Amino acid sequence: MPIFEYLCDDCGNKFEKLVRRSAEAAGAECPSCGRDHVTTQVSSFAARTNGGAKDSMPSCPFGMCATPGLCGRN
């Protein structure tokens, strides 16, 4: 089940919603103000694997990540 990220156009609240069916994604309401004027945000995810060498993790090409591979830039 995907998790969608939304931004409320009325109050500016950012929130996530677990969506079981595509029809639920269209009917999202802001949990703060209760309005349905929301914009779907582009989101990214981080995947981790169990085991493996530490050297197998990608390094940050910008040299500023505290945790390599989790900044979303690589």
C-alpha atoms as a PDB file:
ATOM      1  CA  MET A   1       0.000   0.000   0.000  1.00  0.00           C
ATOM      2  CA  PRO A   2       1.491   3.345  -1.001  1.00  0.00           C
ATOM      3  CA  ILE A   3       1.850   6.333   1.280  1.00  0.00           C
ATOM      4  CA  PHE A   4       0.935   9.601  -0.411  1.00  0.00           C
ATOM      5  CA  GLU A   5       2.251  12.982   0.728  1.00  0.00           C
ATOM      6  CA  TYR A   6      -0.008  16.019   0.536  1.00  0.00           C
ATOM      7  CA  LEU A   7       0.167  19.778   1.103  1.00  0.00           C
ATOM      8  CA  CYS A   8      -2.995  21.594   2.201  1.00  0.00           C
ATOM      9  CA  ASP A   9      -3.650  24.582  -0.060  1.00  0.00           C
ATOM     10  CA  ASP A  10      -5.666  26.315   2.680  1.00  0.00           C
ATOM     11  CA  CYS A  11      -3.577  26.015   5.865  1.00  0.00           C
ATOM     12  CA  GLY A  12      -0.178  24.845   4.517  1.00  0.00           C
ATOM     13  CA  ASN A  13      -0.108  21.626   6.571  1.00  0.00           C
ATOM     14  CA  LYS A  14       2.021  18.799   5.155  1.00  0.00           C
ATOM     15  CA  PHE A  15       0.746  15.296   5.867  1.00  0.00           C
ATOM     16  CA  GLU A  16       0.903  11.689   4.695  1.00  0.00           C
ATOM     17  CA  LYS A  17      -1.908   9.234   4.034  1.00  0.00           C
ATOM     18  CA  LEU A  18      -1.795   5.469   3.666  1.00  0.00           C
ATOM     19  CA  VAL A  19      -3.885   4.660   0.585  1.00  0.00           C
ATOM     20  CA  ARG A  20      -5.429   1.231   0.056  1.00  0.00           C
ATOM     21  CA  ARG A  21      -7.353   2.057  -3.136  1.00  0.00           C
ATOM     22  CA  SER A  22      -6.787   4.731  -5.782  1.00  0.00           C
ATOM     23  CA  ALA A  23     -10.213   6.230  -5.020  1.00  0.00           C
ATOM     24  CA  GLU A  24      -8.976   7.079  -1.497  1.00  0.00           C
ATOM     25  CA  ALA A  25      -6.079   9.108  -2.929  1.00  0.00           C
ATOM     26  CA  ALA A  26      -8.489  11.495  -4.656  1.00  0.00           C
ATOM     27  CA  GLY A  27     -10.538  12.118  -1.505  1.00  0.00           C
ATOM     28  CA  ALA A  28      -7.785  13.242   0.861  1.00  0.00           C
ATOM     29  CA  GLU A  29      -8.700  15.772   3.537  1.00  0.00           C
ATOM     30  CA  CYS A  30      -6.314  17.819   5.653  1.00  0.00           C
ATOM     31  CA  PRO A  31      -6.207  16.462   9.222  1.00  0.00           C
ATOM     32  CA  SER A  32      -5.624  20.002  10.588  1.00  0.00           C
ATOM     33  CA  CYS A  33      -8.397  22.020   8.954  1.00  0.00           C
ATOM     34  CA  GLY A  34     -10.607  19.284   7.434  1.00  0.00           C
ATOM     35  CA  ARG A  35     -10.649  20.826   3.957  1.00  0.00           C
ATOM     36  CA  ASP A  36     -10.097  18.842   0.780  1.00  0.00           C
ATOM     37  CA  HIS A  37      -8.062  21.455  -1.112  1.00  0.00           C
ATOM     38  CA  VAL A  38      -4.817  19.466  -1.120  1.00  0.00           C
ATOM     39  CA  THR A  39      -1.972  19.047  -3.593  1.00  0.00           C
ATOM     40  CA  THR A  40      -0.160  15.737  -3.993  1.00  0.00           C
ATOM     41  CA  GLN A  41       3.566  16.168  -3.346  1.00  0.00           C
ATOM     42  CA  VAL A  42       6.420  14.385  -5.079  1.00  0.00           C
ATOM     43  CA  SER A  43       8.005  12.052  -2.570  1.00  0.00           C
ATOM     44  CA  SER A  44      11.009   9.794  -2.520  1.00  0.00           C
ATOM     45  CA  PHE A  45      11.819   6.735  -0.513  1.00  0.00           C
ATOM     46  CA  ALA A  46      14.921   5.109   0.866  1.00  0.00           C
ATOM     47  CA  ALA A  47      15.439   1.388   0.541  1.00  0.00           C
ATOM     48  CA  ARG A  48      17.707  -0.571   2.803  1.00  0.00           C
ATOM     49  CA  THR A  49      18.955  -4.089   2.533  1.00  0.00           C
ATOM     50  CA  ASN A  50      20.011  -6.407   5.302  1.00  0.00           C
ATOM     51  CA  GLY A  51      23.660  -7.367   5.379  1.00  0.00           C
ATOM     52  CA  GLY A  52      26.240  -6.383   2.829  1.00  0.00           C
ATOM     53  CA  ALA A  53      29.429  -4.460   3.252  1.00  0.00           C
ATOM     54  CA  LYS A  54      29.438  -0.840   4.350  1.00  0.00           C
ATOM     55  CA  ASP A  55      31.424  -0.010   1.214  1.00  0.00           C
ATOM     56  CA  SER A  56      28.468  -1.087  -0.911  1.00  0.00           C
ATOM     57  CA  MET A  57      26.472   1.984   0.177  1.00  0.00           C
ATOM     58  CA  PRO A  58      26.581   4.809  -2.361  1.00  0.00           C
ATOM     59  CA  SER A  59      28.527   7.851  -1.331  1.00  0.00           C
ATOM     60  CA  CYS A  60      27.182  11.362  -1.594  1.00  0.00           C
ATOM     61  CA  PRO A  61      28.531  13.078  -4.721  1.00  0.00           C
ATOM     62  CA  PHE A  62      28.228  16.409  -2.929  1.00  0.00           C
ATOM     63  CA  GLY A  63      30.287  15.312   0.099  1.00  0.00           C
ATOM     64  CA  MET A  64      27.843  16.692   2.668  1.00  0.00           C
ATOM     65  CA  CYS A  65      25.645  13.786   3.716  1.00  0.00           C
ATOM     66  CA  ALA A  66      25.827  12.630   7.276  1.00  0.00           C
ATOM     67  CA  THR A  67      24.441   9.267   6.159  1.00  0.00           C
ATOM     68  CA  PRO A  68      25.587   8.379   2.607  1.00  0.00           C
ATOM     69  CA  GLY A  69      22.775   7.383   0.295  1.00  0.00           C
ATOM     70  CA  LEU A  70      19.936   8.902   2.313  1.00  0.00           C
ATOM     71  CA  CYS A  71      20.035  12.474   1.051  1.00  0.00           C
ATOM     72  CA  GLY A  72      17.986  11.695  -2.056  1.00  0.00           C
ATOM     73  CA  ARG A  73      20.573  13.260  -4.340  1.00  0.00           C
ATOM     74  CA  ASN A  74      22.218  10.024  -5.405  1.00  0.00           C
END
